[in-house]
Amino acid sequence: MQVKNYENIELIIFDCDGVLIDSEIISAQVISRQFNKIGIDISTQYVQDHFIGQSYSKTKAHVLEKFNTNLADNFEKEYRTELLKAFDTELKIIPGIETILKNLNINKCVATSSSLSRASSSLKTVGVYEYLKNDINSAYDLGPRGKPEPDIYLNCAKQFNVEPKNVLVIEDSLIGIQGAKKAEMKVWHFTGASHLKDWDTNHVYKFQPDFVFNDMNNFFLYLPHLTNKKIKGE
């Protein structure tokens, strides 16, 4: 099924966690355990409902507001250390994403809330870093205005000298969809990662993603003009 009115797309911006790599469920499990270690009862489900896609600074502010706990300075370091250990053994690529990165005939980049070092390490672990190594943009490193503000998406468009209206963003999180919409870009909601398997995504529609899909293997069926590769099912 070809999706219409995307002939002018010049740049695709991919979120990292939950779009390129199946990491969000791992991150939620690890940070939930870290919270529990210091006596804060936050479940994996709570993490998925409130923290997915946002910066660590916003997570820290949420914990202070809702749980009256100011996370210690070493909490983030310990969490990220444990997360990387888990990634070494558990992290997997989103099926179909390497085919997309290998065969896209337009520019592509990453817009992530993770740090540049963590995103780069994760992409190396799953074997797709070489496709994106010069084009990873981190809201964590960019400054205080992370998603759902549009800054990182607009920064990506500026780097490639592309007008926002000619950009397609692929996001898994609500705040990512919000940010892309604020940037006045087209945005697709990807729902195929593990953390969304049993999640009720109906409320995402109030943010009006332009399209919703759950299988990266179908990407070029929707946008066949964005590849020179022969697509099965055309």
C-alpha atoms as a PDB file:
ATOM      1  CA  MET A   1       0.000   0.000   0.000  1.00  0.00           C
ATOM      2  CA  GLN A   2       1.647   3.190  -1.164  1.00  0.00           C
ATOM      3  CA  VAL A   3       1.117   6.255   1.034  1.00  0.00           C
ATOM      4  CA  LYS A   4       0.335   9.333  -1.038  1.00  0.00           C
ATOM      5  CA  ASN A   5       1.640  12.916  -0.913  1.00  0.00           C
ATOM      6  CA  TYR A   6       5.229  12.145   0.112  1.00  0.00           C
ATOM      7  CA  GLU A   7       6.876  12.932  -3.215  1.00  0.00           C
ATOM      8  CA  ASN A   8       8.707  15.974  -1.806  1.00  0.00           C
ATOM      9  CA  ILE A   9      10.348  14.277   1.168  1.00  0.00           C
ATOM     10  CA  GLU A  10      14.093  15.054   1.192  1.00  0.00           C
ATOM     11  CA  LEU A  11      15.115  13.903   4.670  1.00  0.00           C
ATOM     12  CA  ILE A  12      14.029  11.162   7.072  1.00  0.00           C
ATOM     13  CA  ILE A  13      14.725  11.654  10.770  1.00  0.00           C
ATOM     14  CA  PHE A  14      14.715   8.478  12.850  1.00  0.00           C
ATOM     15  CA  ASP A  15      14.357   8.381  16.584  1.00  0.00           C
ATOM     16  CA  CYS A  16      16.830   5.866  18.008  1.00  0.00           C
ATOM     17  CA  ASP A  17      15.339   3.980  20.964  1.00  0.00           C
ATOM     18  CA  GLY A  18      12.211   2.118  19.919  1.00  0.00           C
ATOM     19  CA  VAL A  19      12.689   2.902  16.208  1.00  0.00           C
ATOM     20  CA  LEU A  20      16.197   1.777  15.249  1.00  0.00           C
ATOM     21  CA  ILE A  21      16.857  -0.415  18.278  1.00  0.00           C
ATOM     22  CA  ASP A  22      14.469  -2.388  20.472  1.00  0.00           C
ATOM     23  CA  SER A  23      15.754  -0.789  23.644  1.00  0.00           C
ATOM     24  CA  GLU A  24      12.922   0.953  25.459  1.00  0.00           C
ATOM     25  CA  ILE A  25      11.717  -2.151  27.288  1.00  0.00           C
ATOM     26  CA  ILE A  26      15.271  -2.837  28.486  1.00  0.00           C
ATOM     27  CA  SER A  27      15.728   0.758  29.635  1.00  0.00           C
ATOM     28  CA  ALA A  28      12.433   0.675  31.519  1.00  0.00           C
ATOM     29  CA  GLN A  29      13.340  -2.553  33.314  1.00  0.00           C
ATOM     30  CA  VAL A  30      16.813  -1.321  34.284  1.00  0.00           C
ATOM     31  CA  ILE A  31      15.786   2.094  35.600  1.00  0.00           C
ATOM     32  CA  SER A  32      12.863   0.538  37.486  1.00  0.00           C
ATOM     33  CA  ARG A  33      15.335  -1.760  39.279  1.00  0.00           C
ATOM     34  CA  GLN A  34      17.584   1.207  40.047  1.00  0.00           C
ATOM     35  CA  PHE A  35      14.656   3.128  41.517  1.00  0.00           C
ATOM     36  CA  ASN A  36      13.684   0.150  43.637  1.00  0.00           C
ATOM     37  CA  LYS A  37      17.248  -0.147  44.965  1.00  0.00           C
ATOM     38  CA  ILE A  38      16.987   3.315  46.528  1.00  0.00           C
ATOM     39  CA  GLY A  39      13.491   2.740  47.888  1.00  0.00           C
ATOM     40  CA  ILE A  40      11.347   4.355  45.177  1.00  0.00           C
ATOM     41  CA  ASP A  41       8.515   2.086  44.085  1.00  0.00           C
ATOM     42  CA  ILE A  42       8.352   2.762  40.331  1.00  0.00           C
ATOM     43  CA  SER A  43       7.318  -0.131  38.119  1.00  0.00           C
ATOM     44  CA  THR A  44       8.436  -0.883  34.575  1.00  0.00           C
ATOM     45  CA  GLN A  45       4.932  -0.017  33.401  1.00  0.00           C
ATOM     46  CA  TYR A  46       5.080   3.369  35.141  1.00  0.00           C
ATOM     47  CA  VAL A  47       8.385   4.084  33.410  1.00  0.00           C
ATOM     48  CA  GLN A  48       6.875   3.200  30.042  1.00  0.00           C
ATOM     49  CA  ASP A  49       3.831   5.376  30.661  1.00  0.00           C
ATOM     50  CA  HIS A  50       5.680   8.475  31.882  1.00  0.00           C
ATOM     51  CA  PHE A  51       9.349   8.483  30.841  1.00  0.00           C
ATOM     52  CA  ILE A  52       9.607   6.950  27.357  1.00  0.00           C
ATOM     53  CA  GLY A  53      11.362   9.262  24.906  1.00  0.00           C
ATOM     54  CA  GLN A  54      12.190  12.055  27.325  1.00  0.00           C
ATOM     55  CA  SER A  55      15.524  13.291  28.641  1.00  0.00           C
ATOM     56  CA  TYR A  56      17.010  12.138  31.931  1.00  0.00           C
ATOM     57  CA  SER A  57      16.704  15.682  33.325  1.00  0.00           C
ATOM     58  CA  LYS A  58      12.925  15.583  32.796  1.00  0.00           C
ATOM     59  CA  THR A  59      12.733  12.138  34.381  1.00  0.00           C
ATOM     60  CA  LYS A  60      14.648  13.449  37.389  1.00  0.00           C
ATOM     61  CA  ALA A  61      12.295  16.435  37.681  1.00  0.00           C
ATOM     62  CA  HIS A  62       9.269  14.101  37.492  1.00  0.00           C
ATOM     63  CA  VAL A  63      10.618  11.919  40.309  1.00  0.00           C
ATOM     64  CA  LEU A  64      11.199  14.987  42.483  1.00  0.00           C
ATOM     65  CA  GLU A  65       7.679  16.286  41.858  1.00  0.00           C
ATOM     66  CA  LYS A  66       5.731  13.022  42.130  1.00  0.00           C
ATOM     67  CA  PHE A  67       7.838  11.040  44.618  1.00  0.00           C
ATOM     68  CA  ASN A  68       9.432  13.875  46.623  1.00  0.00           C
ATOM     69  CA  THR A  69      12.905  12.459  45.964  1.00  0.00           C
ATOM     70  CA  ASN A  70      15.852  14.339  44.548  1.00  0.00           C
ATOM     71  CA  LEU A  71      17.943  11.735  42.752  1.00  0.00           C
ATOM     72  CA  ALA A  72      21.582  11.712  43.817  1.00  0.00           C
ATOM     73  CA  ASP A  73      24.219  12.921  41.376  1.00  0.00           C
ATOM     74  CA  ASN A  74      25.577   9.384  40.929  1.00  0.00           C
ATOM     75  CA  PHE A  75      22.172   7.847  40.130  1.00  0.00           C
ATOM     76  CA  GLU A  76      22.370   8.657  36.418  1.00  0.00           C
ATOM     77  CA  LYS A  77      25.899   7.243  36.103  1.00  0.00           C
ATOM     78  CA  GLU A  78      24.966   4.025  37.889  1.00  0.00           C
ATOM     79  CA  TYR A  79      21.807   3.663  35.796  1.00  0.00           C
ATOM     80  CA  ARG A  80      23.672   4.160  32.530  1.00  0.00           C
ATOM     81  CA  THR A  81      26.377   1.690  33.587  1.00  0.00           C
ATOM     82  CA  GLU A  82      23.763  -0.971  34.308  1.00  0.00           C
ATOM     83  CA  LEU A  83      21.937  -0.132  31.088  1.00  0.00           C
ATOM     84  CA  LEU A  84      25.009  -0.628  28.929  1.00  0.00           C
ATOM     85  CA  LYS A  85      25.644  -3.967  30.627  1.00  0.00           C
ATOM     86  CA  ALA A  86      22.112  -5.035  29.758  1.00  0.00           C
ATOM     87  CA  PHE A  87      22.475  -3.773  26.190  1.00  0.00           C
ATOM     88  CA  ASP A  88      25.602  -5.915  25.706  1.00  0.00           C
ATOM     89  CA  THR A  89      23.547  -9.083  26.110  1.00  0.00           C
ATOM     90  CA  GLU A  90      19.931  -8.109  25.388  1.00  0.00           C
ATOM     91  CA  LEU A  91      19.848  -5.315  22.783  1.00  0.00           C
ATOM     92  CA  LYS A  92      18.410  -6.137  19.357  1.00  0.00           C
ATOM     93  CA  ILE A  93      17.867  -4.197  16.174  1.00  0.00           C
ATOM     94  CA  ILE A  94      14.337  -3.419  15.016  1.00  0.00           C
ATOM     95  CA  PRO A  95      13.674  -5.981  12.242  1.00  0.00           C
ATOM     96  CA  GLY A  96      13.802  -4.419   8.790  1.00  0.00           C
ATOM     97  CA  ILE A  97      15.620  -1.241   9.781  1.00  0.00           C
ATOM     98  CA  GLU A  98      18.988  -2.192   8.266  1.00  0.00           C
ATOM     99  CA  THR A  99      17.349  -2.727   4.878  1.00  0.00           C
ATOM    100  CA  ILE A 100      15.887   0.777   5.103  1.00  0.00           C
ATOM    101  CA  LEU A 101      19.176   2.415   6.100  1.00  0.00           C
ATOM    102  CA  LYS A 102      21.073   0.549   3.393  1.00  0.00           C
ATOM    103  CA  ASN A 103      18.654   1.330   0.562  1.00  0.00           C
ATOM    104  CA  LEU A 104      17.247   4.819   1.204  1.00  0.00           C
ATOM    105  CA  ASN A 105      17.959   7.136  -1.715  1.00  0.00           C
ATOM    106  CA  ILE A 106      17.549  10.367   0.299  1.00  0.00           C
ATOM    107  CA  ASN A 107      19.299  11.820   3.326  1.00  0.00           C
ATOM    108  CA  LYS A 108      18.733  10.320   6.762  1.00  0.00           C
ATOM    109  CA  CYS A 109      19.757  11.099  10.328  1.00  0.00           C
ATOM    110  CA  VAL A 110      18.988  10.303  13.966  1.00  0.00           C
ATOM    111  CA  ALA A 111      17.303  12.540  16.547  1.00  0.00           C
ATOM    112  CA  THR A 112      17.571  10.983  19.991  1.00  0.00           C
ATOM    113  CA  SER A 113      17.023  12.019  23.594  1.00  0.00           C
ATOM    114  CA  SER A 114      19.961   9.787  24.562  1.00  0.00           C
ATOM    115  CA  SER A 115      23.522  11.048  24.763  1.00  0.00           C
ATOM    116  CA  LEU A 116      25.610  10.875  21.600  1.00  0.00           C
ATOM    117  CA  SER A 117      27.965   8.352  23.201  1.00  0.00           C
ATOM    118  CA  ARG A 118      25.127   6.060  24.310  1.00  0.00           C
ATOM    119  CA  ALA A 119      23.329   6.218  20.959  1.00  0.00           C
ATOM    120  CA  SER A 120      26.562   5.552  19.075  1.00  0.00           C
ATOM    121  CA  SER A 121      27.435   2.616  21.318  1.00  0.00           C
ATOM    122  CA  SER A 122      23.953   1.133  20.888  1.00  0.00           C
ATOM    123  CA  LEU A 123      24.027   1.435  17.105  1.00  0.00           C
ATOM    124  CA  LYS A 124      27.452  -0.218  17.053  1.00  0.00           C
ATOM    125  CA  THR A 125      26.109  -3.086  19.177  1.00  0.00           C
ATOM    126  CA  VAL A 126      23.371  -3.880  16.630  1.00  0.00           C
ATOM    127  CA  GLY A 127      25.607  -3.280  13.608  1.00  0.00           C
ATOM    128  CA  VAL A 128      24.138  -0.189  11.908  1.00  0.00           C
ATOM    129  CA  TYR A 129      26.412   2.567  13.198  1.00  0.00           C
ATOM    130  CA  GLU A 130      28.247   2.852   9.866  1.00  0.00           C
ATOM    131  CA  TYR A 131      25.050   3.966   8.109  1.00  0.00           C
ATOM    132  CA  LEU A 132      24.528   6.858  10.523  1.00  0.00           C
ATOM    133  CA  LYS A 133      27.840   7.652  12.216  1.00  0.00           C
ATOM    134  CA  ASN A 134      28.099  11.263  11.008  1.00  0.00           C
ATOM    135  CA  ASP A 135      24.430  12.082  11.415  1.00  0.00           C
ATOM    136  CA  ILE A 136      23.464  11.295  15.024  1.00  0.00           C
ATOM    137  CA  ASN A 137      21.887  14.266  16.789  1.00  0.00           C
ATOM    138  CA  SER A 138      21.407  14.206  20.542  1.00  0.00           C
ATOM    139  CA  ALA A 139      18.903  16.371  22.413  1.00  0.00           C
ATOM    140  CA  TYR A 140      20.822  15.368  25.568  1.00  0.00           C
ATOM    141  CA  ASP A 141      23.939  17.099  24.201  1.00  0.00           C
ATOM    142  CA  LEU A 142      22.143  19.843  22.266  1.00  0.00           C
ATOM    143  CA  GLY A 143      20.800  21.691  25.278  1.00  0.00           C
ATOM    144  CA  PRO A 144      17.994  22.015  27.799  1.00  0.00           C
ATOM    145  CA  ARG A 145      15.078  22.044  25.356  1.00  0.00           C
ATOM    146  CA  GLY A 146      14.638  18.369  24.570  1.00  0.00           C
ATOM    147  CA  LYS A 147      11.586  16.612  23.180  1.00  0.00           C
ATOM    148  CA  PRO A 148       8.684  17.509  23.020  1.00  0.00           C
ATOM    149  CA  GLU A 149      10.209  20.833  21.952  1.00  0.00           C
ATOM    150  CA  PRO A 150      11.005  20.960  18.219  1.00  0.00           C
ATOM    151  CA  ASP A 151      14.631  22.095  18.539  1.00  0.00           C
ATOM    152  CA  ILE A 152      16.363  18.829  17.673  1.00  0.00           C
ATOM    153  CA  TYR A 153      14.208  18.232  14.599  1.00  0.00           C
ATOM    154  CA  LEU A 154      14.725  21.766  13.330  1.00  0.00           C
ATOM    155  CA  ASN A 155      18.452  21.402  13.961  1.00  0.00           C
ATOM    156  CA  CYS A 156      18.505  18.262  11.811  1.00  0.00           C
ATOM    157  CA  ALA A 157      16.645  19.990   8.975  1.00  0.00           C
ATOM    158  CA  LYS A 158      19.043  22.936   9.137  1.00  0.00           C
ATOM    159  CA  GLN A 159      22.052  20.626   8.883  1.00  0.00           C
ATOM    160  CA  PHE A 160      20.726  19.219   5.613  1.00  0.00           C
ATOM    161  CA  ASN A 161      19.322  22.537   4.361  1.00  0.00           C
ATOM    162  CA  VAL A 162      15.832  21.036   4.080  1.00  0.00           C
ATOM    163  CA  GLU A 163      12.576  22.826   4.783  1.00  0.00           C
ATOM    164  CA  PRO A 164      10.573  21.269   7.643  1.00  0.00           C
ATOM    165  CA  LYS A 165       7.632  20.530   5.348  1.00  0.00           C
ATOM    166  CA  ASN A 166       9.923  18.214   3.343  1.00  0.00           C
ATOM    167  CA  VAL A 167      10.993  16.135   6.350  1.00  0.00           C
ATOM    168  CA  LEU A 168       9.508  12.849   7.572  1.00  0.00           C
ATOM    169  CA  VAL A 169      10.088  11.892  11.216  1.00  0.00           C
ATOM    170  CA  ILE A 170       9.734   8.311  12.506  1.00  0.00           C
ATOM    171  CA  GLU A 171       8.916   8.214  16.229  1.00  0.00           C
ATOM    172  CA  ASP A 172       7.646   5.707  18.781  1.00  0.00           C
ATOM    173  CA  SER A 173       6.907   8.086  21.666  1.00  0.00           C
ATOM    174  CA  LEU A 174       4.152  10.603  22.281  1.00  0.00           C
ATOM    175  CA  ILE A 175       6.606  13.380  23.085  1.00  0.00           C
ATOM    176  CA  GLY A 176       8.496  12.631  19.875  1.00  0.00           C
ATOM    177  CA  ILE A 177       5.305  12.970  17.870  1.00  0.00           C
ATOM    178  CA  GLN A 178       4.545  16.232  19.657  1.00  0.00           C
ATOM    179  CA  GLY A 179       8.010  17.598  18.913  1.00  0.00           C
ATOM    180  CA  ALA A 180       7.880  16.703  15.232  1.00  0.00           C
ATOM    181  CA  LYS A 181       4.442  18.287  14.943  1.00  0.00           C
ATOM    182  CA  LYS A 182       5.714  21.468  16.593  1.00  0.00           C
ATOM    183  CA  ALA A 183       8.487  21.496  13.987  1.00  0.00           C
ATOM    184  CA  GLU A 184       5.759  21.327  11.298  1.00  0.00           C
ATOM    185  CA  MET A 185       7.117  18.086   9.892  1.00  0.00           C
ATOM    186  CA  LYS A 186       5.318  14.955   8.807  1.00  0.00           C
ATOM    187  CA  VAL A 187       5.550  12.269  11.488  1.00  0.00           C
ATOM    188  CA  TRP A 188       4.844   8.545  11.463  1.00  0.00           C
ATOM    189  CA  HIS A 189       4.192   6.614  14.641  1.00  0.00           C
ATOM    190  CA  PHE A 190       6.057   3.292  14.744  1.00  0.00           C
ATOM    191  CA  THR A 191       4.378   0.837  17.112  1.00  0.00           C
ATOM    192  CA  GLY A 192       6.374  -2.326  16.443  1.00  0.00           C
ATOM    193  CA  ALA A 193       8.915  -2.222  19.282  1.00  0.00           C
ATOM    194  CA  SER A 194       8.575  -4.546  22.282  1.00  0.00           C
ATOM    195  CA  HIS A 195       7.554  -1.837  24.767  1.00  0.00           C
ATOM    196  CA  LEU A 196       4.418  -1.093  22.723  1.00  0.00           C
ATOM    197  CA  LYS A 197       3.364  -4.705  22.242  1.00  0.00           C
ATOM    198  CA  ASP A 198       0.623  -4.676  24.886  1.00  0.00           C
ATOM    199  CA  TRP A 199       0.220  -0.913  25.182  1.00  0.00           C
ATOM    200  CA  ASP A 200      -3.023   0.842  24.312  1.00  0.00           C
ATOM    201  CA  THR A 201      -1.875   3.304  21.668  1.00  0.00           C
ATOM    202  CA  ASN A 202      -5.327   4.742  20.957  1.00  0.00           C
ATOM    203  CA  HIS A 203      -4.643   7.951  22.900  1.00  0.00           C
ATOM    204  CA  VAL A 204      -1.722   8.778  20.595  1.00  0.00           C
ATOM    205  CA  TYR A 205      -4.177   9.825  17.922  1.00  0.00           C
ATOM    206  CA  LYS A 206      -4.947  13.085  19.700  1.00  0.00           C
ATOM    207  CA  PHE A 207      -1.463  14.138  18.613  1.00  0.00           C
ATOM    208  CA  GLN A 208      -2.405  13.264  15.026  1.00  0.00           C
ATOM    209  CA  PRO A 209       0.516  11.336  13.579  1.00  0.00           C
ATOM    210  CA  ASP A 210       0.278  11.323   9.808  1.00  0.00           C
ATOM    211  CA  PHE A 211       0.529   7.541   9.634  1.00  0.00           C
ATOM    212  CA  VAL A 212       0.816   4.586  12.014  1.00  0.00           C
ATOM    213  CA  PHE A 213       2.647   1.349  11.210  1.00  0.00           C
ATOM    214  CA  ASN A 214       4.140  -1.579  13.120  1.00  0.00           C
ATOM    215  CA  ASP A 215       6.546  -3.295  10.709  1.00  0.00           C
ATOM    216  CA  MET A 216       9.687  -1.724   9.254  1.00  0.00           C
ATOM    217  CA  ASN A 217       9.761  -4.460   6.613  1.00  0.00           C
ATOM    218  CA  ASN A 218       6.810  -2.698   4.965  1.00  0.00           C
ATOM    219  CA  PHE A 219       8.405   0.745   4.877  1.00  0.00           C
ATOM    220  CA  PHE A 220       9.290   0.744   1.179  1.00  0.00           C
ATOM    221  CA  LEU A 221       5.880  -0.630   0.299  1.00  0.00           C
ATOM    222  CA  TYR A 222       4.496   2.615   1.688  1.00  0.00           C
ATOM    223  CA  LEU A 223       7.166   4.830   0.073  1.00  0.00           C
ATOM    224  CA  PRO A 224       8.604   2.904  -2.906  1.00  0.00           C
ATOM    225  CA  HIS A 225      10.030   6.044  -4.525  1.00  0.00           C
ATOM    226  CA  LEU A 226      12.517   6.385  -1.652  1.00  0.00           C
ATOM    227  CA  THR A 227      14.540   3.366  -2.744  1.00  0.00           C
ATOM    228  CA  ASN A 228      16.067   2.003  -5.938  1.00  0.00           C
ATOM    229  CA  LYS A 229      15.761  -1.516  -4.542  1.00  0.00           C
ATOM    230  CA  LYS A 230      13.234  -3.897  -6.089  1.00  0.00           C
ATOM    231  CA  ILE A 231      10.445  -4.244  -3.519  1.00  0.00           C
ATOM    232  CA  LYS A 232       8.541  -7.479  -3.078  1.00  0.00           C
ATOM    233  CA  GLY A 233       4.801  -6.946  -3.051  1.00  0.00           C
ATOM    234  CA  GLU A 234       4.768  -3.908  -5.342  1.00  0.00           C
END
